[in-house]
Amino acid sequence: MSFIFLIGGCVVVIFGANWLVEGASSIAKKFSIPDLVIGLTVVAFGTSAPELTVNLFASLSGKTDIAIGNALGSNIFNTFVILGIAAIIYPVTVKSNTVWKEIPLSLLAALVVGICANDIYLDQSTKNALTRTDGLVMLGFFIIFMYYTFIVAKSGIGEEEEETEKIKELSLGISIFYVLLGLVSLIIGGKLLVDGAVAIAQSFGMSEAIIGLTIVAAGTSMPELATSAVAAYKKKSDIAIGNVVGSNIFNIFFILGISATISPLPFRPEANLDVFMTIFSSILMFSFTLIGKGRQITRLEGALFIVIYIAYVSYLLIQI
């Protein structure tokens, strides 16, 4: 039953996010909001809705290891598995803007978590935690990131509109129904997913942190995996890597920021390994785009990403 809850929760959350995005995008379109703005707000938030829903439930129910594990684990999964698979399908070419601004921002996000969470080492505090103050700092960074994204997108608005999928206009009644159905699905799916993950962790003697870092993180990252794999197949490198890097920044500054603001998150010193892996993944991304030919992540480098992820998960499982 726990596995059914977990898998069912993942499926319901992903469908819920799609319905929410479709309904909200249609409503925004009815009020003549440009596709670009909808893409940067409704659609971007919608693809991160699975991680956000799971983290909110985990935070509110005191399962803080799942909340932190899900955010960090999603970033590790995004870079090593999703970007790795995308590069194997077709080498990922990275724009200068992404190399020098967005990848460093994802590295900054990981460094901010490491600094904010290690109160014992940095402040001689009695315990490590991501406090409400830390959460508000992360949300401040997120607002700066959203402002930067909007300015960049607006400067290339003609090109952006060509790549943006046409938003379907539904009737107002159906749009509202989709939004409500999406929200209900996210709530039910998020609850099932967290409950299933906790039950599995207890039955196998695994920590909630490991479940959050692996199964929950992979499950909530399925929309990103589908988007990047299709983008790579269509040879749209910008979408493939932009989706991964943008999601990584969202996961820490927005999702972990909101989670910590709602309820302070105790941080285990062992989780520094996961922070290190998040930092390491951004450094590798940055390095691979600078070495070799023409700012590309090659098939070989994509395969190396996947090997590193397998080694990391194997190490986690050995620790059980």
Protein backbone atom coordinates (compact mmCIF):
# COMPACT_ATOMS: atom_id res chain seq x y z
CA MET A 1 0.00 0.00 0.00
CA SER A 2 2.88 2.37 0.79
CA PHE A 3 4.31 1.91 -2.71
CA ILE A 4 0.84 2.45 -4.22
CA PHE A 5 0.51 5.69 -2.20
CA LEU A 6 3.97 6.82 -3.33
CA ILE A 7 3.53 6.05 -7.05
CA GLY A 8 -0.12 7.16 -7.06
CA GLY A 9 0.86 10.39 -5.28
CA CYS A 10 3.55 11.11 -7.92
CA VAL A 11 1.11 10.54 -10.79
CA VAL A 12 -1.68 12.63 -9.22
CA VAL A 13 0.74 15.49 -8.40
CA ILE A 14 2.13 15.60 -11.97
CA PHE A 15 -1.35 15.54 -13.57
CA GLY A 16 -2.51 18.15 -11.05
CA ALA A 17 0.35 20.47 -12.01
CA ASN A 18 -0.56 20.13 -15.71
CA TRP A 19 -4.25 20.90 -15.09
CA LEU A 20 -3.35 23.88 -12.91
CA VAL A 21 -0.99 25.29 -15.57
CA GLU A 22 -3.52 24.75 -18.39
CA GLY A 23 -6.39 26.36 -16.50
CA ALA A 24 -4.39 29.28 -15.08
CA SER A 25 -2.69 29.95 -18.45
CA SER A 26 -6.07 30.06 -20.19
CA ILE A 27 -7.49 32.49 -17.59
CA ALA A 28 -4.38 34.71 -17.92
CA LYS A 29 -4.74 34.64 -21.72
CA LYS A 30 -8.39 35.76 -21.42
CA PHE A 31 -7.17 38.88 -19.59
CA SER A 32 -4.70 39.57 -22.46
CA ILE A 33 -1.58 38.77 -20.44
CA PRO A 34 1.27 38.08 -22.95
CA ASP A 35 2.38 34.46 -23.47
CA LEU A 36 5.89 35.42 -22.33
CA VAL A 37 4.69 36.63 -18.92
CA ILE A 38 2.47 33.54 -18.52
CA GLY A 39 5.45 31.30 -19.35
CA LEU A 40 7.67 33.02 -16.79
CA THR A 41 5.07 32.91 -14.01
CA VAL A 42 2.22 30.41 -14.31
CA VAL A 43 4.07 27.74 -16.32
CA ALA A 44 7.35 28.10 -14.41
CA PHE A 45 5.58 27.85 -11.04
CA GLY A 46 3.45 24.99 -12.33
CA THR A 47 6.41 22.76 -13.23
CA SER A 48 7.75 23.29 -9.71
CA ALA A 49 4.34 22.62 -8.13
CA PRO A 50 5.11 18.91 -7.39
CA GLU A 51 8.23 19.80 -5.35
CA LEU A 52 6.43 22.70 -3.66
CA THR A 53 3.38 20.60 -2.69
CA VAL A 54 5.51 17.78 -1.26
CA ASN A 55 7.67 20.25 0.68
CA LEU A 56 4.68 22.08 2.14
CA PHE A 57 3.15 18.82 3.39
CA ALA A 58 6.51 17.62 4.69
CA SER A 59 7.16 20.93 6.51
CA LEU A 60 3.69 21.16 8.04
CA SER A 61 3.81 17.53 9.24
CA GLY A 62 7.30 17.92 10.73
CA LYS A 63 8.97 15.63 8.14
CA THR A 64 11.76 18.16 7.61
CA ASP A 65 14.28 15.59 6.32
CA ILE A 66 11.94 14.89 3.40
CA ALA A 67 11.53 18.64 2.72
CA ILE A 68 15.30 19.31 2.60
CA GLY A 69 16.05 15.99 0.89
CA ASN A 70 13.45 16.64 -1.81
CA ALA A 71 14.81 20.11 -2.67
CA LEU A 72 18.49 19.08 -2.72
CA GLY A 73 17.76 15.66 -4.24
CA SER A 74 15.71 17.24 -7.06
CA ASN A 75 18.64 19.50 -7.94
CA ILE A 76 21.11 16.60 -7.92
CA PHE A 77 18.69 14.49 -10.02
CA ASN A 78 18.03 17.41 -12.41
CA THR A 79 21.71 17.97 -13.19
CA PHE A 80 23.16 14.47 -13.16
CA VAL A 81 20.22 12.47 -14.57
CA ILE A 82 18.03 14.87 -16.57
CA LEU A 83 20.86 16.90 -18.10
CA GLY A 84 22.86 13.69 -18.51
CA ILE A 85 20.04 12.01 -20.47
CA ALA A 86 19.43 15.19 -22.52
CA ALA A 87 23.15 15.38 -23.48
CA ILE A 88 23.20 11.68 -24.47
CA ILE A 89 20.13 12.20 -26.71
CA TYR A 90 21.77 15.24 -28.33
CA PRO A 91 24.81 17.30 -27.15
CA VAL A 92 23.57 20.35 -25.23
CA THR A 93 24.88 23.70 -26.50
CA VAL A 94 24.81 26.43 -23.82
CA LYS A 95 24.36 30.15 -24.46
CA SER A 96 26.84 32.64 -23.00
CA ASN A 97 24.12 34.13 -20.77
CA THR A 98 23.43 30.72 -19.19
CA VAL A 99 27.16 30.00 -18.67
CA TRP A 100 28.05 33.30 -17.01
CA LYS A 101 24.83 34.21 -15.18
CA GLU A 102 22.32 31.37 -14.68
CA ILE A 103 24.68 28.47 -13.84
CA PRO A 104 26.57 30.69 -11.32
CA LEU A 105 23.15 31.61 -9.83
CA SER A 106 22.36 27.90 -9.31
CA LEU A 107 25.80 27.54 -7.66
CA LEU A 108 25.04 30.56 -5.46
CA ALA A 109 21.72 28.95 -4.42
CA ALA A 110 23.55 25.79 -3.23
CA LEU A 111 26.18 27.89 -1.39
CA VAL A 112 23.45 29.93 0.33
CA VAL A 113 21.84 26.71 1.68
CA GLY A 114 25.24 25.49 2.92
CA ILE A 115 25.94 28.78 4.71
CA CYS A 116 22.43 29.27 6.15
CA ALA A 117 22.11 25.68 7.39
CA ASN A 118 25.47 25.31 9.19
CA ASP A 119 24.80 27.37 12.32
CA ILE A 120 26.90 25.10 14.55
CA TYR A 121 30.07 25.62 12.48
CA LEU A 122 29.57 29.29 11.52
CA ASP A 123 27.70 30.78 14.51
CA GLN A 124 28.69 28.38 17.33
CA SER A 125 24.97 27.71 17.73
CA THR A 126 23.66 24.62 19.54
CA LYS A 127 21.83 23.26 16.47
CA ASN A 128 21.70 23.55 12.69
CA ALA A 129 18.50 24.80 11.07
CA LEU A 130 17.12 26.70 8.12
CA THR A 131 15.22 29.37 10.06
CA ARG A 132 12.42 31.68 8.95
CA THR A 133 15.04 34.43 8.48
CA ASP A 134 17.00 32.11 6.17
CA GLY A 135 13.79 31.35 4.28
CA LEU A 136 13.06 35.07 3.78
CA VAL A 137 16.64 35.64 2.55
CA MET A 138 16.15 32.86 -0.03
CA LEU A 139 12.83 34.36 -1.15
CA GLY A 140 14.63 37.72 -1.54
CA PHE A 141 17.15 36.06 -3.88
CA PHE A 142 14.22 34.46 -5.72
CA ILE A 143 12.59 37.84 -6.38
CA ILE A 144 15.91 39.11 -7.83
CA PHE A 145 16.11 36.00 -10.02
CA MET A 146 12.55 36.48 -11.31
CA TYR A 147 13.30 40.14 -12.11
CA TYR A 148 16.47 39.12 -13.99
CA THR A 149 14.57 36.39 -15.91
CA PHE A 150 11.85 38.82 -16.94
CA ILE A 151 14.36 41.43 -18.19
CA VAL A 152 16.31 38.79 -20.17
CA ALA A 153 13.14 37.33 -21.67
CA LYS A 154 11.79 40.76 -22.57
CA SER A 155 15.02 41.72 -24.34
CA GLY A 156 14.60 38.68 -26.62
CA ILE A 157 10.80 38.76 -26.77
CA GLY A 158 10.52 38.07 -30.54
CA GLU A 159 12.67 34.94 -30.36
CA GLU A 160 10.95 33.82 -27.15
CA GLU A 161 7.47 34.02 -28.67
CA GLU A 162 8.55 31.75 -31.54
CA GLU A 163 9.62 29.03 -29.10
CA THR A 164 6.68 29.38 -26.70
CA GLU A 165 3.93 26.84 -27.22
CA LYS A 166 0.60 28.41 -28.05
CA ILE A 167 -1.55 28.61 -24.94
CA LYS A 168 -4.98 27.05 -25.43
CA GLU A 169 -7.90 29.34 -24.64
CA LEU A 170 -10.62 27.42 -22.86
CA SER A 171 -13.97 28.74 -21.69
CA LEU A 172 -13.84 30.52 -18.34
CA GLY A 173 -15.87 27.76 -16.65
CA ILE A 174 -13.57 24.97 -17.86
CA SER A 175 -10.47 27.05 -16.99
CA ILE A 176 -11.66 27.54 -13.39
CA PHE A 177 -12.57 23.83 -13.19
CA TYR A 178 -9.02 22.89 -14.34
CA VAL A 179 -7.45 25.22 -11.76
CA LEU A 180 -9.58 23.78 -8.94
CA LEU A 181 -9.01 20.19 -10.14
CA GLY A 182 -5.27 20.87 -10.33
CA LEU A 183 -5.14 22.33 -6.81
CA VAL A 184 -7.16 19.46 -5.31
CA SER A 185 -4.97 16.92 -7.14
CA LEU A 186 -1.79 18.58 -5.86
CA ILE A 187 -3.10 18.51 -2.28
CA ILE A 188 -4.26 14.87 -2.41
CA GLY A 189 -1.21 13.71 -4.39
CA GLY A 190 1.24 15.55 -2.13
CA LYS A 191 -0.31 14.00 0.99
CA LEU A 192 -0.26 10.48 -0.52
CA LEU A 193 3.35 10.90 -1.69
CA VAL A 194 4.66 12.08 1.69
CA ASP A 195 2.70 9.43 3.64
CA GLY A 196 3.88 6.68 1.26
CA ALA A 197 7.51 7.83 1.44
CA VAL A 198 7.49 7.95 5.25
CA ALA A 199 5.91 4.47 5.49
CA ILE A 200 8.48 2.98 3.07
CA ALA A 201 11.35 4.60 4.97
CA GLN A 202 10.10 3.10 8.24
CA SER A 203 9.44 -0.39 6.82
CA PHE A 204 12.89 -0.68 5.20
CA GLY A 205 14.76 1.02 8.01
CA MET A 206 15.74 3.83 5.62
CA SER A 207 15.94 7.41 6.80
CA GLU A 208 13.35 9.90 5.58
CA ALA A 209 16.28 11.95 4.23
CA ILE A 210 17.36 9.15 1.84
CA ILE A 211 13.77 8.62 0.64
CA GLY A 212 13.48 12.38 0.05
CA LEU A 213 16.83 12.51 -1.78
CA THR A 214 16.07 9.59 -4.09
CA ILE A 215 12.50 8.33 -4.68
CA VAL A 216 10.60 11.53 -3.83
CA ALA A 217 13.13 13.76 -5.63
CA ALA A 218 13.03 11.60 -8.77
CA GLY A 219 9.22 11.39 -8.70
CA THR A 220 8.66 15.13 -8.40
CA SER A 221 11.27 15.80 -11.15
CA MET A 222 9.39 13.80 -13.79
CA PRO A 223 7.90 16.93 -15.50
CA GLU A 224 11.43 18.37 -15.89
CA LEU A 225 12.72 15.03 -17.22
CA ALA A 226 9.98 14.85 -19.86
CA THR A 227 10.48 18.50 -20.89
CA SER A 228 14.28 18.28 -21.21
CA ALA A 229 14.28 14.90 -23.00
CA VAL A 230 11.77 16.14 -25.61
CA ALA A 231 13.68 19.43 -25.98
CA ALA A 232 16.96 17.53 -26.55
CA TYR A 233 15.28 15.24 -29.09
CA LYS A 234 14.02 18.34 -30.96
CA LYS A 235 17.59 19.78 -30.71
CA LYS A 236 16.39 22.75 -28.62
CA SER A 237 19.40 22.94 -26.29
CA ASP A 238 18.35 26.22 -24.65
CA ILE A 239 15.12 24.70 -23.39
CA ALA A 240 16.85 21.51 -22.17
CA ILE A 241 19.48 23.25 -20.02
CA GLY A 242 17.32 26.30 -19.19
CA ASN A 243 14.69 23.97 -17.75
CA VAL A 244 17.27 22.23 -15.51
CA VAL A 245 19.10 25.37 -14.31
CA GLY A 246 15.87 27.33 -13.77
CA SER A 247 14.35 24.44 -11.82
CA ASN A 248 17.47 24.19 -9.62
CA ILE A 249 17.24 27.89 -8.71
CA PHE A 250 13.47 27.58 -8.11
CA ASN A 251 13.92 24.53 -5.87
CA ILE A 252 16.25 26.28 -3.44
CA PHE A 253 15.36 29.97 -3.48
CA PHE A 254 11.58 29.53 -3.85
CA ILE A 255 10.58 26.08 -2.59
CA LEU A 256 13.10 25.70 0.24
CA GLY A 257 12.63 29.41 1.01
CA ILE A 258 8.85 29.01 1.42
CA SER A 259 9.27 25.75 3.37
CA ALA A 260 11.67 27.36 5.87
CA THR A 261 9.49 30.49 6.18
CA ILE A 262 6.42 28.38 7.04
CA SER A 263 8.26 26.14 9.50
CA PRO A 264 11.99 26.23 10.44
CA LEU A 265 13.77 23.12 9.08
CA PRO A 266 16.28 21.33 11.36
CA PHE A 267 19.37 20.41 9.32
CA ARG A 268 21.39 17.25 9.97
CA PRO A 269 25.19 17.65 9.61
CA GLU A 270 25.15 14.52 7.37
CA ALA A 271 23.09 16.48 4.83
CA ASN A 272 26.23 18.53 4.06
CA LEU A 273 27.16 15.70 1.66
CA ASP A 274 24.00 16.48 -0.32
CA VAL A 275 24.77 20.23 -0.25
CA PHE A 276 28.28 19.39 -1.49
CA MET A 277 26.84 17.26 -4.34
CA THR A 278 24.51 20.14 -5.32
CA ILE A 279 27.49 22.54 -5.39
CA PHE A 280 29.62 19.97 -7.24
CA SER A 281 26.92 19.47 -9.91
CA SER A 282 26.85 23.23 -10.67
CA ILE A 283 30.65 23.40 -10.81
CA LEU A 284 30.74 20.44 -13.23
CA MET A 285 28.05 22.04 -15.41
CA PHE A 286 30.06 25.26 -15.51
CA SER A 287 33.35 23.44 -16.22
CA PHE A 288 31.94 21.27 -19.03
CA THR A 289 30.58 24.34 -20.84
CA LEU A 290 34.03 25.99 -20.78
CA ILE A 291 36.24 23.05 -21.79
CA GLY A 292 36.06 21.23 -25.11
CA LYS A 293 34.31 22.55 -28.20
CA GLY A 294 31.86 25.41 -28.45
CA ARG A 295 30.24 25.58 -24.98
CA GLN A 296 28.73 22.10 -25.26
CA ILE A 297 27.87 19.33 -22.82
CA THR A 298 28.79 16.30 -24.92
CA ARG A 299 27.37 12.78 -24.90
CA LEU A 300 30.44 11.54 -22.99
CA GLU A 301 30.00 14.22 -20.33
CA GLY A 302 26.28 13.36 -20.13
CA ALA A 303 27.19 9.71 -19.52
CA LEU A 304 29.67 10.82 -16.82
CA PHE A 305 26.85 12.76 -15.10
CA ILE A 306 24.74 9.58 -14.91
CA VAL A 307 27.69 7.49 -13.61
CA ILE A 308 28.30 10.07 -10.85
CA TYR A 309 24.60 9.93 -9.85
CA ILE A 310 24.62 6.11 -9.70
CA ALA A 311 27.76 6.24 -7.50
CA TYR A 312 26.15 8.85 -5.21
CA VAL A 313 22.89 6.88 -4.76
CA SER A 314 24.88 3.65 -4.22
CA TYR A 315 26.84 5.38 -1.44
CA LEU A 316 23.57 6.56 0.19
CA LEU A 317 22.11 3.05 0.10
CA ILE A 318 25.30 1.52 1.58
CA GLN A 319 24.86 3.85 4.57
CA ILE A 320 21.46 2.28 5.49
